[in-house]
Amino acid sequence: EAALAGIGIAWLPEHQVAEYLQAGRLVHLLPDWGPCYAGACLYYPANRHPPMALRMFAEAVRDWVRQQE
């Protein structure tokens, strides 16, 4: 919100701000720079048998992240 208001900067995935970039409401400050690690982490309690719902959620997140690359 601060970046959109012209009083701050933001470090966000490009797909989240694409419409603002196209509309000229935001500018890409460092187009040749990128994070050292592009990925996602999912933290959950250590357990030998995580619930099926957690495994399915983790797989869905993994698929979504791969689609964003």
N, C-alpha and C. Protein backbone atom coordinates (compact mmCIF):
# COMPACT_ATOMS: atom_id res chain seq x y z
N GLU A 1 0.82 -1.19 0.00
CA GLU A 1 0.00 0.00 0.00
C GLU A 1 0.86 1.26 0.00
N ALA A 2 2.00 1.20 0.74
CA ALA A 2 2.89 2.36 0.77
C ALA A 2 3.49 2.61 -0.61
N ALA A 3 3.86 1.54 -1.30
CA ALA A 3 4.42 1.70 -2.64
C ALA A 3 3.38 2.30 -3.58
N LEU A 4 2.16 1.82 -3.51
CA LEU A 4 1.10 2.36 -4.37
C LEU A 4 0.80 3.82 -4.04
N ALA A 5 0.98 4.19 -2.77
CA ALA A 5 0.74 5.58 -2.36
C ALA A 5 1.92 6.49 -2.68
N GLY A 6 3.02 5.90 -3.18
CA GLY A 6 4.18 6.71 -3.54
C GLY A 6 5.09 7.05 -2.38
N ILE A 7 4.94 6.35 -1.25
CA ILE A 7 5.76 6.66 -0.07
C ILE A 7 6.58 5.47 0.41
N GLY A 8 6.76 4.47 -0.44
CA GLY A 8 7.54 3.31 -0.03
C GLY A 8 7.90 2.45 -1.21
N ILE A 9 8.64 1.37 -0.90
CA ILE A 9 8.98 0.38 -1.91
C ILE A 9 8.51 -0.97 -1.42
N ALA A 10 8.42 -1.92 -2.32
CA ALA A 10 7.94 -3.26 -1.96
C ALA A 10 8.75 -4.30 -2.72
N TRP A 11 8.92 -5.44 -2.11
CA TRP A 11 9.57 -6.59 -2.75
C TRP A 11 8.54 -7.69 -2.80
N LEU A 12 7.92 -7.85 -3.97
CA LEU A 12 6.80 -8.78 -4.14
C LEU A 12 6.99 -9.59 -5.41
N PRO A 13 6.37 -10.76 -5.46
CA PRO A 13 6.40 -11.54 -6.71
C PRO A 13 5.77 -10.72 -7.84
N GLU A 14 6.39 -10.78 -9.00
CA GLU A 14 5.92 -9.96 -10.12
C GLU A 14 4.48 -10.25 -10.49
N HIS A 15 4.05 -11.51 -10.38
CA HIS A 15 2.68 -11.83 -10.77
C HIS A 15 1.66 -11.14 -9.86
N GLN A 16 2.06 -10.76 -8.64
CA GLN A 16 1.13 -10.08 -7.74
C GLN A 16 0.97 -8.60 -8.07
N VAL A 17 1.94 -8.04 -8.76
CA VAL A 17 1.88 -6.60 -9.07
C VAL A 17 1.84 -6.31 -10.56
N ALA A 18 1.67 -7.34 -11.38
CA ALA A 18 1.70 -7.17 -12.84
C ALA A 18 0.72 -6.11 -13.32
N GLU A 19 -0.49 -6.11 -12.79
CA GLU A 19 -1.48 -5.12 -13.26
C GLU A 19 -1.06 -3.70 -12.90
N TYR A 20 -0.42 -3.51 -11.75
CA TYR A 20 0.04 -2.18 -11.35
C TYR A 20 1.23 -1.73 -12.19
N LEU A 21 2.09 -2.68 -12.55
CA LEU A 21 3.22 -2.36 -13.43
C LEU A 21 2.72 -1.95 -14.81
N GLN A 22 1.76 -2.71 -15.34
CA GLN A 22 1.21 -2.41 -16.67
C GLN A 22 0.48 -1.07 -16.68
N ALA A 23 -0.18 -0.74 -15.57
CA ALA A 23 -0.94 0.51 -15.49
C ALA A 23 -0.04 1.70 -15.18
N GLY A 24 1.24 1.44 -14.86
CA GLY A 24 2.14 2.53 -14.53
C GLY A 24 2.03 3.01 -13.10
N ARG A 25 1.27 2.30 -12.27
CA ARG A 25 1.13 2.71 -10.87
C ARG A 25 2.35 2.32 -10.05
N LEU A 26 3.09 1.30 -10.52
CA LEU A 26 4.35 0.89 -9.90
C LEU A 26 5.41 0.79 -10.98
N VAL A 27 6.67 0.95 -10.58
CA VAL A 27 7.79 0.75 -11.49
C VAL A 27 8.72 -0.29 -10.89
N HIS A 28 9.39 -1.03 -11.76
CA HIS A 28 10.34 -2.05 -11.34
C HIS A 28 11.68 -1.36 -11.12
N LEU A 29 12.12 -1.25 -9.86
CA LEU A 29 13.34 -0.50 -9.55
C LEU A 29 14.62 -1.21 -9.97
N LEU A 30 14.71 -2.51 -9.74
CA LEU A 30 15.94 -3.26 -10.02
C LEU A 30 15.62 -4.46 -10.91
N PRO A 31 15.36 -4.24 -12.19
CA PRO A 31 14.92 -5.33 -13.05
C PRO A 31 15.94 -6.46 -13.23
N ASP A 32 17.23 -6.16 -13.06
CA ASP A 32 18.25 -7.20 -13.24
C ASP A 32 18.59 -7.93 -11.95
N TRP A 33 17.95 -7.59 -10.86
CA TRP A 33 18.24 -8.20 -9.57
C TRP A 33 17.11 -9.15 -9.19
N GLY A 34 17.47 -10.24 -8.56
CA GLY A 34 16.48 -11.19 -8.08
C GLY A 34 16.95 -11.81 -6.79
N PRO A 35 16.05 -12.40 -6.05
CA PRO A 35 16.44 -13.03 -4.78
C PRO A 35 17.35 -14.23 -5.03
N CYS A 36 18.16 -14.54 -4.04
CA CYS A 36 19.05 -15.70 -4.14
C CYS A 36 18.25 -17.00 -4.16
N TYR A 37 17.14 -17.01 -3.48
CA TYR A 37 16.33 -18.22 -3.37
C TYR A 37 14.91 -17.88 -3.78
N ALA A 38 14.47 -18.45 -4.86
CA ALA A 38 13.08 -18.26 -5.27
C ALA A 38 12.33 -19.54 -4.95
N GLY A 39 11.51 -19.50 -3.96
CA GLY A 39 10.78 -20.70 -3.58
C GLY A 39 9.82 -20.41 -2.45
N ALA A 40 9.33 -21.45 -1.88
CA ALA A 40 8.38 -21.32 -0.78
C ALA A 40 8.73 -22.36 0.27
N CYS A 41 8.43 -22.04 1.51
CA CYS A 41 8.65 -22.97 2.61
C CYS A 41 7.32 -23.19 3.32
N LEU A 42 7.10 -24.41 3.68
CA LEU A 42 5.90 -24.76 4.43
C LEU A 42 6.37 -25.44 5.70
N TYR A 43 6.07 -24.85 6.84
CA TYR A 43 6.50 -25.39 8.13
C TYR A 43 5.32 -26.08 8.80
N TYR A 44 5.57 -27.27 9.30
CA TYR A 44 4.55 -28.01 10.04
C TYR A 44 5.25 -28.92 11.03
N PRO A 45 4.55 -29.38 12.07
CA PRO A 45 5.18 -30.20 13.09
C PRO A 45 5.77 -31.49 12.51
N ALA A 46 6.92 -31.87 13.05
CA ALA A 46 7.53 -33.13 12.63
C ALA A 46 6.61 -34.27 13.04
N ASN A 47 6.34 -35.15 12.11
CA ASN A 47 5.43 -36.25 12.37
C ASN A 47 5.72 -37.32 11.32
N ARG A 48 5.79 -38.55 11.74
CA ARG A 48 6.07 -39.61 10.78
C ARG A 48 4.95 -39.77 9.76
N HIS A 49 3.75 -39.48 10.15
CA HIS A 49 2.59 -39.65 9.27
C HIS A 49 1.73 -38.38 9.29
N PRO A 50 2.13 -37.36 8.52
CA PRO A 50 1.29 -36.16 8.50
C PRO A 50 -0.09 -36.49 7.92
N PRO A 51 -1.11 -35.77 8.35
CA PRO A 51 -2.46 -36.02 7.85
C PRO A 51 -2.54 -35.87 6.33
N MET A 52 -3.44 -36.60 5.72
CA MET A 52 -3.63 -36.56 4.27
C MET A 52 -3.93 -35.13 3.81
N ALA A 53 -4.73 -34.40 4.58
CA ALA A 53 -5.07 -33.02 4.20
C ALA A 53 -3.81 -32.16 4.11
N LEU A 54 -2.88 -32.34 5.03
CA LEU A 54 -1.64 -31.57 5.00
C LEU A 54 -0.79 -31.96 3.80
N ARG A 55 -0.70 -33.23 3.51
CA ARG A 55 0.07 -33.68 2.34
C ARG A 55 -0.54 -33.14 1.05
N MET A 56 -1.87 -33.14 0.96
CA MET A 56 -2.54 -32.62 -0.25
C MET A 56 -2.33 -31.11 -0.38
N PHE A 57 -2.40 -30.40 0.75
CA PHE A 57 -2.17 -28.96 0.74
C PHE A 57 -0.75 -28.66 0.28
N ALA A 58 0.24 -29.38 0.83
CA ALA A 58 1.63 -29.17 0.46
C ALA A 58 1.83 -29.41 -1.04
N GLU A 59 1.20 -30.44 -1.57
CA GLU A 59 1.32 -30.74 -3.00
C GLU A 59 0.68 -29.64 -3.84
N ALA A 60 -0.46 -29.12 -3.39
CA ALA A 60 -1.13 -28.04 -4.11
C ALA A 60 -0.26 -26.78 -4.13
N VAL A 61 0.36 -26.47 -2.99
CA VAL A 61 1.25 -25.30 -2.93
C VAL A 61 2.45 -25.51 -3.84
N ARG A 62 3.04 -26.69 -3.81
CA ARG A 62 4.18 -27.01 -4.67
C ARG A 62 3.81 -26.84 -6.14
N ASP A 63 2.64 -27.33 -6.54
CA ASP A 63 2.19 -27.18 -7.93
C ASP A 63 1.99 -25.72 -8.29
N TRP A 64 1.40 -24.95 -7.38
CA TRP A 64 1.15 -23.53 -7.63
C TRP A 64 2.47 -22.78 -7.81
N VAL A 65 3.45 -23.06 -6.94
CA VAL A 65 4.75 -22.39 -7.04
C VAL A 65 5.41 -22.73 -8.37
N ARG A 66 5.34 -23.97 -8.79
CA ARG A 66 5.94 -24.37 -10.07
C ARG A 66 5.28 -23.64 -11.24
N GLN A 67 3.97 -23.42 -11.16
CA GLN A 67 3.26 -22.71 -12.23
C GLN A 67 3.67 -21.25 -12.30
N GLN A 68 4.09 -20.68 -11.17
CA GLN A 68 4.47 -19.26 -11.13
C GLN A 68 5.85 -19.02 -11.72
N GLU A 69 6.65 -20.06 -11.83
CA GLU A 69 8.03 -19.91 -12.32
C GLU A 69 8.07 -19.68 -13.80
